N, C-alpha and C. Protein backbone atom coordinates (compact mmCIF):
# COMPACT_ATOMS: atom_id res chain seq x y z
N MET A 1 0.83 -1.17 0.00
CA MET A 1 0.00 0.00 0.00
C MET A 1 0.88 1.24 0.00
N ASP A 2 0.39 2.15 -0.59
CA ASP A 2 1.12 3.39 -0.73
C ASP A 2 0.80 4.29 0.45
N SER A 3 1.83 4.86 1.08
CA SER A 3 1.61 5.69 2.26
C SER A 3 0.95 7.02 1.89
N ASN A 4 1.10 7.45 0.68
CA ASN A 4 0.46 8.69 0.24
C ASN A 4 -1.05 8.53 0.18
N ASN A 5 -1.46 7.37 -0.19
CA ASN A 5 -2.89 7.13 -0.31
C ASN A 5 -3.55 7.07 1.07
N LEU A 6 -2.81 6.62 2.09
CA LEU A 6 -3.40 6.52 3.42
C LEU A 6 -3.58 7.90 4.04
N ASN A 7 -2.66 8.79 3.77
CA ASN A 7 -2.74 10.11 4.37
C ASN A 7 -3.75 11.01 3.67
N GLN A 8 -4.08 10.71 2.50
CA GLN A 8 -5.04 11.52 1.76
C GLN A 8 -6.46 11.04 2.09
N GLN A 9 -7.26 11.96 2.39
CA GLN A 9 -8.66 11.60 2.63
C GLN A 9 -9.42 11.79 1.33
N PRO A 10 -10.35 10.95 1.14
CA PRO A 10 -11.10 11.09 -0.10
C PRO A 10 -11.85 12.42 -0.13
N GLN A 11 -11.89 12.99 -1.26
CA GLN A 11 -12.57 14.26 -1.42
C GLN A 11 -14.08 13.99 -1.50
N GLN A 12 -14.79 14.70 -0.70
CA GLN A 12 -16.24 14.53 -0.72
C GLN A 12 -16.83 15.68 -1.50
N SER A 13 -17.74 15.31 -2.29
CA SER A 13 -18.41 16.30 -3.11
C SER A 13 -19.73 16.66 -2.43
N TYR A 14 -19.78 17.86 -1.96
CA TYR A 14 -21.01 18.31 -1.32
C TYR A 14 -21.84 19.07 -2.34
N GLN A 15 -23.03 18.56 -2.52
CA GLN A 15 -23.95 19.25 -3.42
C GLN A 15 -25.14 19.70 -2.59
N GLN A 16 -25.67 20.80 -2.94
CA GLN A 16 -26.84 21.27 -2.24
C GLN A 16 -28.05 20.45 -2.69
N PRO A 17 -28.93 20.13 -1.75
CA PRO A 17 -30.11 19.35 -2.13
C PRO A 17 -30.99 20.14 -3.10
N TYR A 18 -31.70 19.40 -3.90
CA TYR A 18 -32.57 20.00 -4.91
C TYR A 18 -33.71 20.74 -4.23
N GLN A 19 -33.91 21.96 -4.61
CA GLN A 19 -35.01 22.73 -4.07
C GLN A 19 -35.92 23.14 -5.22
N GLN A 20 -37.20 22.95 -4.96
CA GLN A 20 -38.15 23.36 -5.98
C GLN A 20 -38.26 24.87 -5.98
N PRO A 21 -38.57 25.42 -7.12
CA PRO A 21 -38.73 26.87 -7.17
C PRO A 21 -39.88 27.30 -6.25
N GLN A 22 -39.70 28.39 -5.58
CA GLN A 22 -40.71 28.86 -4.63
C GLN A 22 -41.94 29.36 -5.39
N GLN A 23 -43.08 28.81 -4.98
CA GLN A 23 -44.36 29.24 -5.54
C GLN A 23 -45.18 29.80 -4.40
N PRO A 24 -46.09 30.68 -4.70
CA PRO A 24 -46.91 31.21 -3.62
C PRO A 24 -47.77 30.09 -3.01
N TYR A 25 -47.92 30.14 -1.70
CA TYR A 25 -48.66 29.10 -0.99
C TYR A 25 -50.15 29.26 -1.26
N GLN A 26 -50.77 28.15 -1.61
CA GLN A 26 -52.21 28.15 -1.85
C GLN A 26 -52.87 27.21 -0.86
N GLN A 27 -53.83 27.71 -0.14
CA GLN A 27 -54.56 26.86 0.79
C GLN A 27 -55.52 25.97 0.01
N PRO A 28 -55.68 24.73 0.46
CA PRO A 28 -56.65 23.87 -0.22
C PRO A 28 -58.06 24.42 -0.02
N TYR A 29 -58.89 24.21 -1.01
CA TYR A 29 -60.27 24.72 -0.97
C TYR A 29 -61.10 23.88 -0.01
N GLN A 30 -61.78 24.53 0.88
CA GLN A 30 -62.68 23.85 1.79
C GLN A 30 -64.08 24.38 1.55
N GLN A 31 -65.01 23.42 1.37
CA GLN A 31 -66.39 23.84 1.16
C GLN A 31 -66.95 24.35 2.48
N PRO A 32 -67.80 25.35 2.41
CA PRO A 32 -68.39 25.85 3.66
C PRO A 32 -69.29 24.78 4.27
N GLN A 33 -69.25 24.69 5.57
CA GLN A 33 -70.07 23.69 6.25
C GLN A 33 -71.50 24.17 6.31
N GLN A 34 -72.41 23.25 5.95
CA GLN A 34 -73.83 23.59 5.99
C GLN A 34 -74.45 22.84 7.15
N THR A 35 -75.01 23.56 8.05
CA THR A 35 -75.66 22.94 9.19
C THR A 35 -77.15 23.22 9.12
N TYR A 36 -77.92 22.19 9.48
CA TYR A 36 -79.36 22.35 9.48
C TYR A 36 -79.79 22.98 10.79
N ARG A 37 -80.56 23.98 10.69
CA ARG A 37 -81.10 24.61 11.88
C ARG A 37 -82.61 24.61 11.79
N GLN A 38 -83.24 24.12 12.84
CA GLN A 38 -84.68 24.09 12.89
C GLN A 38 -85.19 25.53 13.04
N PRO A 39 -86.27 25.84 12.34
CA PRO A 39 -86.79 27.20 12.46
C PRO A 39 -87.08 27.53 13.93
N ALA A 40 -86.73 28.72 14.32
CA ALA A 40 -86.90 29.11 15.72
C ALA A 40 -88.37 29.25 16.10
N SER A 41 -89.24 29.47 15.12
CA SER A 41 -90.65 29.69 15.43
C SER A 41 -91.38 28.39 15.80
N GLU A 42 -90.81 27.24 15.48
CA GLU A 42 -91.49 25.98 15.74
C GLU A 42 -91.11 25.43 17.10
N LYS A 43 -92.10 25.27 17.96
CA LYS A 43 -91.84 24.70 19.28
C LYS A 43 -92.21 23.22 19.25
N PRO A 44 -91.59 22.42 20.08
CA PRO A 44 -91.89 20.99 20.07
C PRO A 44 -93.32 20.72 20.55
N VAL A 45 -93.87 19.62 20.05
CA VAL A 45 -95.21 19.22 20.44
C VAL A 45 -95.13 18.61 21.83
N GLY A 46 -95.99 19.09 22.73
CA GLY A 46 -95.95 18.65 24.12
C GLY A 46 -96.64 17.31 24.32
N LEU A 47 -96.44 16.76 25.50
CA LEU A 47 -97.02 15.46 25.85
C LEU A 47 -98.54 15.51 25.83
N GLY A 48 -99.12 16.54 26.39
CA GLY A 48 -100.58 16.67 26.43
C GLY A 48 -101.18 16.74 25.03
N GLU A 49 -100.50 17.46 24.14
CA GLU A 49 -100.99 17.57 22.76
C GLU A 49 -100.92 16.22 22.05
N TRP A 50 -99.85 15.44 22.31
CA TRP A 50 -99.74 14.11 21.69
C TRP A 50 -100.83 13.18 22.22
N LEU A 51 -101.11 13.25 23.53
CA LEU A 51 -102.18 12.41 24.09
C LEU A 51 -103.53 12.77 23.48
N GLY A 52 -103.79 14.07 23.33
CA GLY A 52 -105.03 14.50 22.68
C GLY A 52 -105.09 14.06 21.22
N THR A 53 -103.97 14.14 20.54
CA THR A 53 -103.90 13.71 19.14
C THR A 53 -104.22 12.22 19.01
N LEU A 54 -103.59 11.41 19.86
CA LEU A 54 -103.84 9.97 19.81
C LEU A 54 -105.29 9.64 20.16
N PHE A 55 -105.87 10.35 21.14
CA PHE A 55 -107.26 10.12 21.51
C PHE A 55 -108.19 10.47 20.35
N LEU A 56 -107.94 11.60 19.69
CA LEU A 56 -108.81 12.01 18.58
C LEU A 56 -108.71 11.06 17.39
N THR A 57 -107.54 10.48 17.15
CA THR A 57 -107.43 9.56 16.01
C THR A 57 -108.12 8.23 16.28
N CYS A 58 -108.47 7.95 17.53
CA CYS A 58 -109.19 6.71 17.84
C CYS A 58 -110.67 6.81 17.49
N ILE A 59 -111.19 8.00 17.30
CA ILE A 59 -112.60 8.18 16.92
C ILE A 59 -112.70 7.83 15.44
N PRO A 60 -113.60 6.87 15.07
CA PRO A 60 -113.58 6.28 13.72
C PRO A 60 -113.50 7.25 12.55
N CYS A 61 -114.47 8.06 12.28
CA CYS A 61 -114.43 8.92 11.08
C CYS A 61 -113.63 10.19 11.32
N VAL A 62 -113.72 10.72 12.53
CA VAL A 62 -113.03 11.96 12.87
C VAL A 62 -111.52 11.77 12.78
N GLY A 63 -111.03 10.61 13.21
CA GLY A 63 -109.60 10.34 13.20
C GLY A 63 -109.00 10.40 11.81
N VAL A 64 -109.68 9.81 10.84
CA VAL A 64 -109.15 9.80 9.46
C VAL A 64 -109.16 11.22 8.88
N ILE A 65 -110.23 11.96 9.14
CA ILE A 65 -110.31 13.34 8.64
C ILE A 65 -109.21 14.19 9.26
N LEU A 66 -109.01 14.04 10.57
CA LEU A 66 -107.97 14.82 11.23
C LEU A 66 -106.57 14.44 10.75
N LEU A 67 -106.36 13.17 10.43
CA LEU A 67 -105.04 12.78 9.89
C LEU A 67 -104.76 13.50 8.59
N PHE A 68 -105.76 13.62 7.72
CA PHE A 68 -105.56 14.36 6.46
C PHE A 68 -105.32 15.84 6.73
N VAL A 69 -106.07 16.40 7.69
CA VAL A 69 -105.88 17.82 8.02
C VAL A 69 -104.47 18.05 8.56
N TRP A 70 -104.05 17.24 9.51
CA TRP A 70 -102.72 17.41 10.11
C TRP A 70 -101.60 17.12 9.10
N ALA A 71 -101.81 16.17 8.20
CA ALA A 71 -100.76 15.80 7.24
C ALA A 71 -100.51 16.90 6.21
N PHE A 72 -101.55 17.59 5.80
CA PHE A 72 -101.40 18.52 4.67
C PHE A 72 -101.66 19.98 5.02
N SER A 73 -101.77 20.30 6.30
CA SER A 73 -101.99 21.68 6.73
C SER A 73 -100.64 22.37 6.93
N LYS A 74 -100.60 23.64 6.59
CA LYS A 74 -99.37 24.43 6.78
C LYS A 74 -99.23 24.89 8.24
N ASP A 75 -100.34 24.91 8.97
CA ASP A 75 -100.32 25.40 10.36
C ASP A 75 -99.88 24.34 11.36
N THR A 76 -99.82 23.08 10.93
CA THR A 76 -99.45 21.99 11.82
C THR A 76 -97.93 21.93 11.94
N SER A 77 -97.44 21.58 13.14
CA SER A 77 -95.99 21.47 13.31
C SER A 77 -95.43 20.36 12.43
N GLN A 78 -94.15 20.48 12.09
CA GLN A 78 -93.52 19.53 11.17
C GLN A 78 -93.54 18.11 11.71
N SER A 79 -93.29 17.94 13.00
CA SER A 79 -93.27 16.59 13.56
C SER A 79 -94.65 15.94 13.53
N LYS A 80 -95.69 16.71 13.84
CA LYS A 80 -97.05 16.16 13.79
C LYS A 80 -97.48 15.89 12.36
N SER A 81 -97.07 16.74 11.43
CA SER A 81 -97.40 16.53 10.02
C SER A 81 -96.74 15.26 9.49
N ASN A 82 -95.47 15.05 9.82
CA ASN A 82 -94.78 13.83 9.39
C ASN A 82 -95.41 12.59 10.02
N TRP A 83 -95.80 12.69 11.29
CA TRP A 83 -96.46 11.57 11.97
C TRP A 83 -97.78 11.24 11.29
N ALA A 84 -98.57 12.26 10.95
CA ALA A 84 -99.86 12.04 10.30
C ALA A 84 -99.68 11.40 8.92
N LYS A 85 -98.68 11.83 8.18
CA LYS A 85 -98.41 11.23 6.87
C LYS A 85 -98.00 9.77 7.02
N ALA A 86 -97.17 9.47 8.02
CA ALA A 86 -96.76 8.08 8.26
C ALA A 86 -97.96 7.23 8.66
N GLN A 87 -98.85 7.78 9.47
CA GLN A 87 -100.06 7.04 9.87
C GLN A 87 -100.94 6.75 8.66
N LEU A 88 -101.08 7.71 7.77
CA LEU A 88 -101.90 7.50 6.56
C LEU A 88 -101.28 6.44 5.66
N ILE A 89 -99.99 6.48 5.48
CA ILE A 89 -99.32 5.47 4.65
C ILE A 89 -99.45 4.09 5.28
N PHE A 90 -99.25 4.00 6.59
CA PHE A 90 -99.39 2.72 7.29
C PHE A 90 -100.82 2.20 7.18
N SER A 91 -101.81 3.08 7.34
CA SER A 91 -103.21 2.67 7.22
C SER A 91 -103.52 2.17 5.82
N LEU A 92 -102.96 2.81 4.81
CA LEU A 92 -103.18 2.37 3.42
C LEU A 92 -102.58 0.99 3.19
N ILE A 93 -101.39 0.75 3.72
CA ILE A 93 -100.75 -0.57 3.58
C ILE A 93 -101.59 -1.64 4.25
N ILE A 94 -102.08 -1.37 5.45
CA ILE A 94 -102.93 -2.33 6.17
C ILE A 94 -104.23 -2.57 5.41
N LEU A 95 -104.81 -1.53 4.83
CA LEU A 95 -106.04 -1.68 4.05
C LEU A 95 -105.82 -2.58 2.83
N VAL A 96 -104.72 -2.38 2.12
CA VAL A 96 -104.43 -3.21 0.93
C VAL A 96 -104.21 -4.66 1.34
N ILE A 97 -103.47 -4.90 2.41
CA ILE A 97 -103.24 -6.27 2.88
C ILE A 97 -104.55 -6.93 3.29
N THR A 98 -105.41 -6.18 3.98
CA THR A 98 -106.70 -6.72 4.41
C THR A 98 -107.57 -7.08 3.21
N ILE A 99 -107.62 -6.22 2.21
CA ILE A 99 -108.40 -6.51 1.00
C ILE A 99 -107.87 -7.76 0.31
N LEU A 100 -106.55 -7.90 0.19
CA LEU A 100 -105.97 -9.09 -0.44
C LEU A 100 -106.32 -10.36 0.33
N ILE A 101 -106.29 -10.29 1.65
CA ILE A 101 -106.64 -11.47 2.46
C ILE A 101 -108.09 -11.85 2.23
N TYR A 102 -109.00 -10.87 2.21
CA TYR A 102 -110.42 -11.17 1.98
C TYR A 102 -110.66 -11.73 0.59
N VAL A 103 -109.98 -11.20 -0.42
CA VAL A 103 -110.15 -11.72 -1.78
C VAL A 103 -109.71 -13.18 -1.84
N VAL A 104 -108.56 -13.49 -1.26
CA VAL A 104 -108.07 -14.87 -1.26
C VAL A 104 -109.01 -15.77 -0.46
N LEU A 105 -109.47 -15.29 0.69
CA LEU A 105 -110.36 -16.07 1.55
C LEU A 105 -111.68 -16.38 0.84
N PHE A 106 -112.28 -15.37 0.21
CA PHE A 106 -113.55 -15.61 -0.50
C PHE A 106 -113.36 -16.48 -1.73
N ALA A 107 -112.22 -16.39 -2.39
CA ALA A 107 -111.96 -17.25 -3.54
C ALA A 107 -111.86 -18.70 -3.09
N VAL A 108 -111.17 -18.95 -2.00
CA VAL A 108 -111.03 -20.32 -1.49
C VAL A 108 -112.38 -20.84 -1.02
N MET A 109 -113.15 -20.01 -0.34
CA MET A 109 -114.48 -20.42 0.12
C MET A 109 -115.42 -20.68 -1.05
N GLY A 110 -115.32 -19.86 -2.09
CA GLY A 110 -116.16 -20.06 -3.28
C GLY A 110 -115.84 -21.37 -3.96
N LEU A 111 -114.57 -21.71 -4.07
CA LEU A 111 -114.18 -22.99 -4.67
C LEU A 111 -114.63 -24.16 -3.81
N ALA A 112 -114.57 -24.01 -2.50
CA ALA A 112 -114.98 -25.08 -1.60
C ALA A 112 -116.49 -25.29 -1.68
N LEU A 113 -117.24 -24.20 -1.74
CA LEU A 113 -118.70 -24.33 -1.85
C LEU A 113 -119.11 -24.88 -3.21
N GLN A 114 -118.39 -24.54 -4.25
CA GLN A 114 -118.71 -25.04 -5.58
C GLN A 114 -118.52 -26.55 -5.66
N ASP A 115 -117.50 -27.05 -4.97
CA ASP A 115 -117.24 -28.50 -4.97
C ASP A 115 -118.29 -29.24 -4.16
N MET A 116 -118.93 -28.60 -3.19
CA MET A 116 -119.92 -29.24 -2.36
C MET A 116 -121.22 -29.47 -3.11
N PHE A 117 -121.58 -28.63 -4.02
CA PHE A 117 -122.85 -28.78 -4.73
C PHE A 117 -122.63 -29.32 -6.09
């Protein structure tokens, strides 16, 4: 080995790290947050009013008429209006199922009676 080579330190090449050209900072776009706020004029339906509502809907003809009034009136609170609409839809579904059961029942009974005579 050569003694000159041992005393010499290797030359290191220092290069500056690559830097991107400076661009103006841009913040990412954020959509404004939309929050739902219930109108301040609408107060919640109280317990007494719900009990009266349920009692009135138990009256046969009056109950159905009041459900239509509460469902489609602008003066009714939103929660009571939605409840009345749900009651009407549920009543319609029950009515259709009941009619289908009676049609099937009478058809089976008609066939049974026809076979007897």
